[in-house]
Amino acid sequence: MQELATDVIWQNRLEQIDSEVDDIRFIDTINGVEQDEERCEIVARGEKRRIRFHDYAAVFRTPGLYEELFYDRLECCSPSYISNLLESVVHESGERLEDFRVLDVGAGNGMVGDELQDLGVRSIIGIDIIPEAKEATNRDRPDVYEDYRVTDLTDLSEVQEERLRRADANCLTTVAALGFGDIPPLAFAKALDLIATPGWLAFNLKEGFLREQDDSGFSKLIRRLNRDGFIQTLCYRRYQHRISISGEPLFYVAVIAKKLKDLDYDLLESLQGE
């Protein structure tokens, strides 16, 4: 029933967006390609274009393309899955989402913020590194974020950092944004450093990025955060994030954790260059 309700909600939201997409055709469905090299050919307003999925600037510039591509065609469920899982764990801990002030990193065009707002979160700040993400959010979901900032978390000025700290966020969310170079480990750690202690953390990663042999740096970082007592993982769940262009399931891991202590200089310094 929950999956059916979520499908209905997303269909209603897709219909509310003034989509310019007339047609989508996947490329290399037979030969197979890595997830971050998937591409499609679209027809929008009569114009035919080829777009790489991870070229988010190009995707966000076309109204409705992100939703139709990932959520309608490829059956992505992560914004609702992570948000609902966070609500469940928070409720079990005796806290309320209504009291959360969320920093949504890798906010994209606002789909996670939209879910959190529906669950009762009143204060959400979005952060993304590309201007097109903010422009898409202002176009499609203008009432979701209290503020939306285009910035590089690995290169914050003192003024930018102070403004973010004054927001006094007590929860960090980052969904479908880690592990492919879009948000490096240092940016993720810096975002965690910006939220209050104690605080909450909700994120997901492709399951391969949490294995011992992972070379993206996230496996080592998450283990260190847990081992050294910076966070406590409360929920760790494998699920199907979406399907690939060839129809194969892509499995991710959802993590809900508590931030127990402030990150130290040595940890942040060790992530430089990763």
C-alpha atoms as a PDB file:
ATOM      1  CA  MET A   1       0.000   0.000   0.000  1.00  0.00           C
ATOM      2  CA  GLN A   2       2.845   2.424   0.811  1.00  0.00           C
ATOM      3  CA  GLU A   3       4.445   1.865  -2.624  1.00  0.00           C
ATOM      4  CA  LEU A   4       1.086   2.416  -4.335  1.00  0.00           C
ATOM      5  CA  ALA A   5       0.478   5.624  -2.373  1.00  0.00           C
ATOM      6  CA  THR A   6       3.948   6.882  -3.242  1.00  0.00           C
ATOM      7  CA  ASP A   7       3.399   6.137  -6.958  1.00  0.00           C
ATOM      8  CA  VAL A   8       0.153   8.131  -6.897  1.00  0.00           C
ATOM      9  CA  ILE A   9       1.823  11.062  -5.136  1.00  0.00           C
ATOM     10  CA  TRP A  10       4.676  11.170  -7.654  1.00  0.00           C
ATOM     11  CA  GLN A  11       2.292  10.913 -10.600  1.00  0.00           C
ATOM     12  CA  ASN A  12       0.320  13.866  -9.249  1.00  0.00           C
ATOM     13  CA  ARG A  13       3.520  15.888  -8.870  1.00  0.00           C
ATOM     14  CA  LEU A  14       4.700  15.015 -12.371  1.00  0.00           C
ATOM     15  CA  GLU A  15       1.407  16.291 -13.745  1.00  0.00           C
ATOM     16  CA  GLN A  16       1.854  19.584 -11.875  1.00  0.00           C
ATOM     17  CA  ILE A  17       5.184  20.311 -13.608  1.00  0.00           C
ATOM     18  CA  ASP A  18       4.981  21.998 -16.992  1.00  0.00           C
ATOM     19  CA  SER A  19       7.081  19.374 -18.745  1.00  0.00           C
ATOM     20  CA  GLU A  20       8.727  20.135 -22.069  1.00  0.00           C
ATOM     21  CA  VAL A  21       9.650  16.483 -22.709  1.00  0.00           C
ATOM     22  CA  ASP A  22       7.929  14.885 -25.695  1.00  0.00           C
ATOM     23  CA  ASP A  23       9.929  11.657 -25.850  1.00  0.00           C
ATOM     24  CA  ILE A  24      12.857   9.842 -24.204  1.00  0.00           C
ATOM     25  CA  ARG A  25      14.945   7.051 -25.773  1.00  0.00           C
ATOM     26  CA  PHE A  26      17.684   5.254 -23.859  1.00  0.00           C
ATOM     27  CA  ILE A  27      21.088   4.737 -25.540  1.00  0.00           C
ATOM     28  CA  ASP A  28      23.344   1.629 -25.145  1.00  0.00           C
ATOM     29  CA  THR A  29      20.672  -0.502 -23.503  1.00  0.00           C
ATOM     30  CA  ILE A  30      22.058  -3.713 -25.033  1.00  0.00           C
ATOM     31  CA  ASN A  31      25.811  -3.299 -24.632  1.00  0.00           C
ATOM     32  CA  GLY A  32      25.447  -1.952 -21.128  1.00  0.00           C
ATOM     33  CA  VAL A  33      27.308   0.981 -19.583  1.00  0.00           C
ATOM     34  CA  GLU A  34      28.347   2.051 -16.102  1.00  0.00           C
ATOM     35  CA  GLN A  35      25.681   3.873 -14.106  1.00  0.00           C
ATOM     36  CA  ASP A  36      27.419   7.241 -14.356  1.00  0.00           C
ATOM     37  CA  GLU A  37      27.743   6.878 -18.148  1.00  0.00           C
ATOM     38  CA  GLU A  38      24.070   6.208 -18.907  1.00  0.00           C
ATOM     39  CA  ARG A  39      22.656   8.458 -21.620  1.00  0.00           C
ATOM     40  CA  CYS A  40      19.413   9.194 -23.370  1.00  0.00           C
ATOM     41  CA  GLU A  41      18.097  10.991 -26.412  1.00  0.00           C
ATOM     42  CA  ILE A  42      15.212  13.331 -25.738  1.00  0.00           C
ATOM     43  CA  VAL A  43      12.805  15.323 -27.825  1.00  0.00           C
ATOM     44  CA  ALA A  44      11.805  18.576 -26.137  1.00  0.00           C
ATOM     45  CA  ARG A  45       9.798  21.253 -27.941  1.00  0.00           C
ATOM     46  CA  GLY A  46      10.539  19.467 -31.176  1.00  0.00           C
ATOM     47  CA  GLU A  47      14.316  19.566 -30.650  1.00  0.00           C
ATOM     48  CA  LYS A  48      16.297  16.318 -30.407  1.00  0.00           C
ATOM     49  CA  ARG A  49      19.222  16.184 -27.935  1.00  0.00           C
ATOM     50  CA  ARG A  50      21.506  13.589 -26.320  1.00  0.00           C
ATOM     51  CA  ILE A  51      22.076  13.947 -22.579  1.00  0.00           C
ATOM     52  CA  ARG A  52      24.256  12.052 -20.143  1.00  0.00           C
ATOM     53  CA  PHE A  53      22.248  11.343 -16.979  1.00  0.00           C
ATOM     54  CA  HIS A  54      24.950  12.733 -14.691  1.00  0.00           C
ATOM     55  CA  ASP A  55      25.124  15.994 -16.636  1.00  0.00           C
ATOM     56  CA  TYR A  56      22.699  17.422 -14.113  1.00  0.00           C
ATOM     57  CA  ALA A  57      22.934  20.979 -15.413  1.00  0.00           C
ATOM     58  CA  ALA A  58      21.543  19.851 -18.783  1.00  0.00           C
ATOM     59  CA  VAL A  59      18.918  17.644 -17.156  1.00  0.00           C
ATOM     60  CA  PHE A  60      17.642  20.370 -14.818  1.00  0.00           C
ATOM     61  CA  ARG A  61      17.415  22.954 -17.609  1.00  0.00           C
ATOM     62  CA  THR A  62      14.613  20.941 -19.250  1.00  0.00           C
ATOM     63  CA  PRO A  63      11.402  21.183 -17.180  1.00  0.00           C
ATOM     64  CA  GLY A  64      10.077  17.766 -16.179  1.00  0.00           C
ATOM     65  CA  LEU A  65      13.026  15.783 -17.562  1.00  0.00           C
ATOM     66  CA  TYR A  66      14.547  14.780 -14.203  1.00  0.00           C
ATOM     67  CA  GLU A  67      11.193  13.538 -12.879  1.00  0.00           C
ATOM     68  CA  GLU A  68      10.162  11.722 -16.026  1.00  0.00           C
ATOM     69  CA  LEU A  69      13.582  10.186 -16.588  1.00  0.00           C
ATOM     70  CA  PHE A  70      14.446   8.952 -13.111  1.00  0.00           C
ATOM     71  CA  TYR A  71      11.085   8.556 -11.385  1.00  0.00           C
ATOM     72  CA  ASP A  72       8.700   7.653 -14.175  1.00  0.00           C
ATOM     73  CA  ARG A  73      10.928   5.634 -16.539  1.00  0.00           C
ATOM     74  CA  LEU A  74      13.601   4.298 -14.141  1.00  0.00           C
ATOM     75  CA  GLU A  75      11.390   3.866 -11.065  1.00  0.00           C
ATOM     76  CA  CYS A  76      13.583   5.740  -8.582  1.00  0.00           C
ATOM     77  CA  CYS A  77      12.158   5.750  -5.060  1.00  0.00           C
ATOM     78  CA  SER A  78      14.990   7.215  -2.987  1.00  0.00           C
ATOM     79  CA  PRO A  79      13.564  10.629  -1.957  1.00  0.00           C
ATOM     80  CA  SER A  80      10.440   9.056  -0.464  1.00  0.00           C
ATOM     81  CA  TYR A  81      12.281   5.962   0.808  1.00  0.00           C
ATOM     82  CA  ILE A  82      14.953   7.884   2.725  1.00  0.00           C
ATOM     83  CA  SER A  83      12.516  10.482   4.039  1.00  0.00           C
ATOM     84  CA  ASN A  84      10.050   7.880   5.308  1.00  0.00           C
ATOM     85  CA  LEU A  85      12.832   5.783   6.822  1.00  0.00           C
ATOM     86  CA  LEU A  86      14.137   8.859   8.652  1.00  0.00           C
ATOM     87  CA  GLU A  87      10.666   9.609   9.980  1.00  0.00           C
ATOM     88  CA  SER A  88      10.289   6.025  11.215  1.00  0.00           C
ATOM     89  CA  VAL A  89      13.628   5.955  13.072  1.00  0.00           C
ATOM     90  CA  VAL A  90      13.093   9.442  14.511  1.00  0.00           C
ATOM     91  CA  HIS A  91       9.635   8.433  15.767  1.00  0.00           C
ATOM     92  CA  GLU A  92      11.059   5.301  17.405  1.00  0.00           C
ATOM     93  CA  SER A  93      13.579   7.534  19.193  1.00  0.00           C
ATOM     94  CA  GLY A  94      10.822   9.690  20.652  1.00  0.00           C
ATOM     95  CA  GLU A  95      11.575  12.780  18.553  1.00  0.00           C
ATOM     96  CA  ARG A  96       9.544  14.646  15.929  1.00  0.00           C
ATOM     97  CA  LEU A  97      10.388  15.760  12.410  1.00  0.00           C
ATOM     98  CA  GLU A  98       8.454  18.956  13.110  1.00  0.00           C
ATOM     99  CA  ASP A  99      11.354  20.009  15.341  1.00  0.00           C
ATOM    100  CA  PHE A 100      13.987  19.426  12.655  1.00  0.00           C
ATOM    101  CA  ARG A 101      15.931  22.100  10.819  1.00  0.00           C
ATOM    102  CA  VAL A 102      17.322  20.263   7.795  1.00  0.00           C
ATOM    103  CA  LEU A 103      20.379  20.914   5.663  1.00  0.00           C
ATOM    104  CA  ASP A 104      19.610  19.150   2.365  1.00  0.00           C
ATOM    105  CA  VAL A 105      22.931  18.758   0.532  1.00  0.00           C
ATOM    106  CA  GLY A 106      22.924  17.845  -3.140  1.00  0.00           C
ATOM    107  CA  ALA A 107      19.372  19.158  -3.097  1.00  0.00           C
ATOM    108  CA  GLY A 108      18.975  19.108  -6.869  1.00  0.00           C
ATOM    109  CA  ASN A 109      15.539  20.289  -7.931  1.00  0.00           C
ATOM    110  CA  GLY A 110      14.003  19.853  -4.509  1.00  0.00           C
ATOM    111  CA  MET A 111      12.477  16.382  -4.518  1.00  0.00           C
ATOM    112  CA  VAL A 112      13.861  15.385  -1.099  1.00  0.00           C
ATOM    113  CA  GLY A 113      12.900  18.734   0.397  1.00  0.00           C
ATOM    114  CA  ASP A 114       9.401  18.255  -0.992  1.00  0.00           C
ATOM    115  CA  GLU A 115       9.111  14.874   0.743  1.00  0.00           C
ATOM    116  CA  LEU A 116      10.429  16.236   4.047  1.00  0.00           C
ATOM    117  CA  GLN A 117       8.034  19.166   3.928  1.00  0.00           C
ATOM    118  CA  ASP A 118       5.111  16.756   3.426  1.00  0.00           C
ATOM    119  CA  LEU A 119       6.276  14.848   6.520  1.00  0.00           C
ATOM    120  CA  GLY A 120       6.129  17.977   8.653  1.00  0.00           C
ATOM    121  CA  VAL A 121       9.623  19.504   8.493  1.00  0.00           C
ATOM    122  CA  ARG A 122       9.189  23.279   8.655  1.00  0.00           C
ATOM    123  CA  SER A 123      12.744  24.527   8.067  1.00  0.00           C
ATOM    124  CA  ILE A 124      14.827  23.224   5.135  1.00  0.00           C
ATOM    125  CA  ILE A 125      17.904  24.783   3.569  1.00  0.00           C
ATOM    126  CA  GLY A 126      19.016  23.421   0.203  1.00  0.00           C
ATOM    127  CA  ILE A 127      22.617  23.308  -0.988  1.00  0.00           C
ATOM    128  CA  ASP A 128      23.895  22.345  -4.423  1.00  0.00           C
ATOM    129  CA  ILE A 129      26.996  23.175  -6.421  1.00  0.00           C
ATOM    130  CA  ILE A 130      25.291  23.962  -9.740  1.00  0.00           C
ATOM    131  CA  PRO A 131      23.100  27.032 -10.367  1.00  0.00           C
ATOM    132  CA  GLU A 132      20.756  25.025 -12.614  1.00  0.00           C
ATOM    133  CA  ALA A 133      19.616  23.011  -9.583  1.00  0.00           C
ATOM    134  CA  LYS A 134      18.488  26.131  -7.749  1.00  0.00           C
ATOM    135  CA  GLU A 135      16.857  27.490 -10.897  1.00  0.00           C
ATOM    136  CA  ALA A 136      14.924  24.222 -11.353  1.00  0.00           C
ATOM    137  CA  THR A 137      13.787  24.296  -7.725  1.00  0.00           C
ATOM    138  CA  ASN A 138      12.622  27.906  -8.015  1.00  0.00           C
ATOM    139  CA  ARG A 139      10.753  26.934 -11.182  1.00  0.00           C
ATOM    140  CA  ASP A 140       9.154  23.674 -10.022  1.00  0.00           C
ATOM    141  CA  ARG A 141       9.074  23.762  -6.187  1.00  0.00           C
ATOM    142  CA  PRO A 142       9.383  27.410  -5.120  1.00  0.00           C
ATOM    143  CA  ASP A 143       7.845  26.952  -1.669  1.00  0.00           C
ATOM    144  CA  VAL A 144       9.943  24.050  -0.346  1.00  0.00           C
ATOM    145  CA  TYR A 145      13.148  25.669   0.922  1.00  0.00           C
ATOM    146  CA  GLU A 146      13.586  28.416   3.451  1.00  0.00           C
ATOM    147  CA  ASP A 147      16.829  29.184   1.622  1.00  0.00           C
ATOM    148  CA  TYR A 148      18.748  27.570  -1.240  1.00  0.00           C
ATOM    149  CA  ARG A 149      22.453  28.189  -1.663  1.00  0.00           C
ATOM    150  CA  VAL A 150      24.697  27.394  -4.596  1.00  0.00           C
ATOM    151  CA  THR A 151      28.104  26.750  -3.066  1.00  0.00           C
ATOM    152  CA  ASP A 152      31.071  24.386  -2.896  1.00  0.00           C
ATOM    153  CA  LEU A 153      31.285  22.913   0.600  1.00  0.00           C
ATOM    154  CA  THR A 154      34.983  22.141   0.127  1.00  0.00           C
ATOM    155  CA  ASP A 155      35.733  25.821  -0.445  1.00  0.00           C
ATOM    156  CA  LEU A 156      33.464  27.828   1.858  1.00  0.00           C
ATOM    157  CA  SER A 157      34.374  31.397   2.691  1.00  0.00           C
ATOM    158  CA  GLU A 158      34.197  32.437   6.348  1.00  0.00           C
ATOM    159  CA  VAL A 159      31.052  34.441   5.600  1.00  0.00           C
ATOM    160  CA  GLN A 160      29.352  31.496   3.871  1.00  0.00           C
ATOM    161  CA  GLU A 161      30.234  29.112   6.688  1.00  0.00           C
ATOM    162  CA  GLU A 162      29.026  31.504   9.365  1.00  0.00           C
ATOM    163  CA  ARG A 163      25.699  31.959   7.579  1.00  0.00           C
ATOM    164  CA  LEU A 164      25.191  28.205   7.400  1.00  0.00           C
ATOM    165  CA  ARG A 165      26.080  27.721  11.066  1.00  0.00           C
ATOM    166  CA  ARG A 166      23.619  30.447  12.086  1.00  0.00           C
ATOM    167  CA  ALA A 167      20.852  28.334  10.529  1.00  0.00           C
ATOM    168  CA  ASP A 168      21.432  25.913  13.441  1.00  0.00           C
ATOM    169  CA  ALA A 169      20.453  22.860  11.385  1.00  0.00           C
ATOM    170  CA  ASN A 170      20.096  19.661  13.403  1.00  0.00           C
ATOM    171  CA  CYS A 171      19.706  17.197  10.518  1.00  0.00           C
ATOM    172  CA  LEU A 172      21.682  16.508   7.332  1.00  0.00           C
ATOM    173  CA  THR A 173      20.134  14.767   4.333  1.00  0.00           C
ATOM    174  CA  THR A 174      21.922  13.839   1.125  1.00  0.00           C
ATOM    175  CA  VAL A 175      20.111  11.525  -1.258  1.00  0.00           C
ATOM    176  CA  ALA A 176      21.374  10.022  -4.542  1.00  0.00           C
ATOM    177  CA  ALA A 177      24.274  12.486  -4.549  1.00  0.00           C
ATOM    178  CA  LEU A 178      27.263  10.585  -3.128  1.00  0.00           C
ATOM    179  CA  GLY A 179      29.844   8.277  -4.652  1.00  0.00           C
ATOM    180  CA  PHE A 180      30.222   9.434  -8.255  1.00  0.00           C
ATOM    181  CA  GLY A 181      32.332  12.514  -7.638  1.00  0.00           C
ATOM    182  CA  ASP A 182      29.364  14.877  -7.364  1.00  0.00           C
ATOM    183  CA  ILE A 183      29.926  15.298  -3.613  1.00  0.00           C
ATOM    184  CA  PRO A 184      33.405  14.199  -2.453  1.00  0.00           C
ATOM    185  CA  PRO A 185      34.020  12.791   1.057  1.00  0.00           C
ATOM    186  CA  LEU A 186      35.366  16.150   2.281  1.00  0.00           C
ATOM    187  CA  ALA A 187      32.169  17.976   1.245  1.00  0.00           C
ATOM    188  CA  PHE A 188      30.049  15.328   2.984  1.00  0.00           C
ATOM    189  CA  ALA A 189      32.125  15.592   6.167  1.00  0.00           C
ATOM    190  CA  LYS A 190      31.985  19.379   6.041  1.00  0.00           C
ATOM    191  CA  ALA A 191      28.197  19.249   5.754  1.00  0.00           C
ATOM    192  CA  LEU A 192      28.076  16.935   8.777  1.00  0.00           C
ATOM    193  CA  ASP A 193      30.322  19.372  10.628  1.00  0.00           C
ATOM    194  CA  LEU A 194      27.834  22.184   9.950  1.00  0.00           C
ATOM    195  CA  ILE A 195      24.898  20.580  11.762  1.00  0.00           C
ATOM    196  CA  ALA A 196      24.374  20.750  15.498  1.00  0.00           C
ATOM    197  CA  THR A 197      25.555  18.143  18.004  1.00  0.00           C
ATOM    198  CA  PRO A 198      23.610  16.014  18.741  1.00  0.00           C
ATOM    199  CA  GLY A 199      22.000  15.858  15.327  1.00  0.00           C
ATOM    200  CA  TRP A 200      20.622  13.504  12.714  1.00  0.00           C
ATOM    201  CA  LEU A 201      22.012  12.175   9.448  1.00  0.00           C
ATOM    202  CA  ALA A 202      20.143  10.500   6.574  1.00  0.00           C
ATOM    203  CA  PHE A 203      21.878   9.482   3.353  1.00  0.00           C
ATOM    204  CA  ASN A 204      22.185   6.759   0.755  1.00  0.00           C
ATOM    205  CA  LEU A 205      25.001   5.264  -1.300  1.00  0.00           C
ATOM    206  CA  LYS A 206      25.265   2.664  -4.020  1.00  0.00           C
ATOM    207  CA  GLU A 207      26.120  -0.524  -2.136  1.00  0.00           C
ATOM    208  CA  GLY A 208      29.500  -0.862  -3.859  1.00  0.00           C
ATOM    209  CA  PHE A 209      30.699   2.426  -2.362  1.00  0.00           C
ATOM    210  CA  LEU A 210      30.444   0.999   1.148  1.00  0.00           C
ATOM    211  CA  ARG A 211      32.575  -2.099   0.496  1.00  0.00           C
ATOM    212  CA  GLU A 212      36.129  -2.538   1.737  1.00  0.00           C
ATOM    213  CA  GLN A 213      37.590  -2.292  -1.784  1.00  0.00           C
ATOM    214  CA  ASP A 214      35.780   0.976  -2.558  1.00  0.00           C
ATOM    215  CA  ASP A 215      38.196   3.633  -3.817  1.00  0.00           C
ATOM    216  CA  SER A 216      35.830   6.651  -3.618  1.00  0.00           C
ATOM    217  CA  GLY A 217      36.752   7.196   0.037  1.00  0.00           C
ATOM    218  CA  PHE A 218      33.246   6.851   1.442  1.00  0.00           C
ATOM    219  CA  SER A 219      33.654   3.342   2.851  1.00  0.00           C
ATOM    220  CA  LYS A 220      36.686   4.445   4.861  1.00  0.00           C
ATOM    221  CA  LEU A 221      35.028   7.693   5.978  1.00  0.00           C
ATOM    222  CA  ILE A 222      31.794   6.075   7.197  1.00  0.00           C
ATOM    223  CA  ARG A 223      33.730   3.388   9.090  1.00  0.00           C
ATOM    224  CA  ARG A 224      35.918   6.044  10.718  1.00  0.00           C
ATOM    225  CA  LEU A 225      32.946   8.198  11.708  1.00  0.00           C
ATOM    226  CA  ASN A 226      31.364   5.198  13.451  1.00  0.00           C
ATOM    227  CA  ARG A 227      34.600   3.797  14.935  1.00  0.00           C
ATOM    228  CA  ASP A 228      35.729   7.102  16.431  1.00  0.00           C
ATOM    229  CA  GLY A 229      32.322   7.906  17.877  1.00  0.00           C
ATOM    230  CA  PHE A 230      31.411  10.857  15.665  1.00  0.00           C
ATOM    231  CA  ILE A 231      28.199   9.125  14.595  1.00  0.00           C
ATOM    232  CA  GLN A 232      26.115   6.138  15.647  1.00  0.00           C
ATOM    233  CA  THR A 233      24.393   4.251  12.852  1.00  0.00           C
ATOM    234  CA  LEU A 234      20.810   3.436  13.865  1.00  0.00           C
ATOM    235  CA  CYS A 235      19.519   1.958  10.608  1.00  0.00           C
ATOM    236  CA  TYR A 236      21.359   0.392   7.664  1.00  0.00           C
ATOM    237  CA  ARG A 237      19.080  -0.959   4.944  1.00  0.00           C
ATOM    238  CA  ARG A 238      19.669  -2.287   1.419  1.00  0.00           C
ATOM    239  CA  TYR A 239      16.953  -1.478  -1.112  1.00  0.00           C
ATOM    240  CA  GLN A 240      16.366  -0.996  -4.847  1.00  0.00           C
ATOM    241  CA  HIS A 241      17.144   2.636  -5.678  1.00  0.00           C
ATOM    242  CA  ARG A 242      16.017   2.362  -9.312  1.00  0.00           C
ATOM    243  CA  ILE A 243      16.542   0.252 -12.409  1.00  0.00           C
ATOM    244  CA  SER A 244      19.258   0.764 -15.024  1.00  0.00           C
ATOM    245  CA  ILE A 245      18.509   1.636 -18.650  1.00  0.00           C
ATOM    246  CA  SER A 246      18.738  -2.092 -19.412  1.00  0.00           C
ATOM    247  CA  GLY A 247      16.187  -2.915 -16.707  1.00  0.00           C
ATOM    248  CA  GLU A 248      18.593  -4.280 -14.096  1.00  0.00           C
ATOM    249  CA  PRO A 249      18.009  -3.363 -10.417  1.00  0.00           C
ATOM    250  CA  LEU A 250      20.440  -0.879  -8.870  1.00  0.00           C
ATOM    251  CA  PHE A 251      20.782  -1.475  -5.144  1.00  0.00           C
ATOM    252  CA  TYR A 252      21.705   1.226  -2.665  1.00  0.00           C
ATOM    253  CA  VAL A 253      22.113   1.310   1.106  1.00  0.00           C
ATOM    254  CA  ALA A 254      20.108   3.753   3.203  1.00  0.00           C
ATOM    255  CA  VAL A 255      21.732   4.956   6.425  1.00  0.00           C
ATOM    256  CA  ILE A 256      20.090   6.787   9.323  1.00  0.00           C
ATOM    257  CA  ALA A 257      22.491   7.886  12.054  1.00  0.00           C
ATOM    258  CA  LYS A 258      22.926  10.256  14.987  1.00  0.00           C
ATOM    259  CA  LYS A 259      25.781  12.737  15.173  1.00  0.00           C
ATOM    260  CA  LEU A 260      27.259  12.307  18.649  1.00  0.00           C
ATOM    261  CA  LYS A 261      30.188  14.716  18.695  1.00  0.00           C
ATOM    262  CA  ASP A 262      31.739  17.513  16.668  1.00  0.00           C
ATOM    263  CA  LEU A 263      34.143  16.600  13.892  1.00  0.00           C
ATOM    264  CA  ASP A 264      37.752  17.530  14.618  1.00  0.00           C
ATOM    265  CA  TYR A 265      40.346  19.323  12.509  1.00  0.00           C
ATOM    266  CA  ASP A 266      42.442  16.185  11.969  1.00  0.00           C
ATOM    267  CA  LEU A 267      39.547  14.302  10.367  1.00  0.00           C
ATOM    268  CA  LEU A 268      38.654  17.135   8.005  1.00  0.00           C
ATOM    269  CA  GLU A 269      42.306  17.744   7.131  1.00  0.00           C
ATOM    270  CA  SER A 270      42.841  14.051   6.317  1.00  0.00           C
ATOM    271  CA  LEU A 271      40.119  14.254   3.634  1.00  0.00           C
ATOM    272  CA  GLN A 272      41.818  17.003   1.637  1.00  0.00           C
ATOM    273  CA  GLY A 273      42.421  15.827  -1.890  1.00  0.00           C
ATOM    274  CA  GLU A 274      40.102  12.788  -1.709  1.00  0.00           C
END
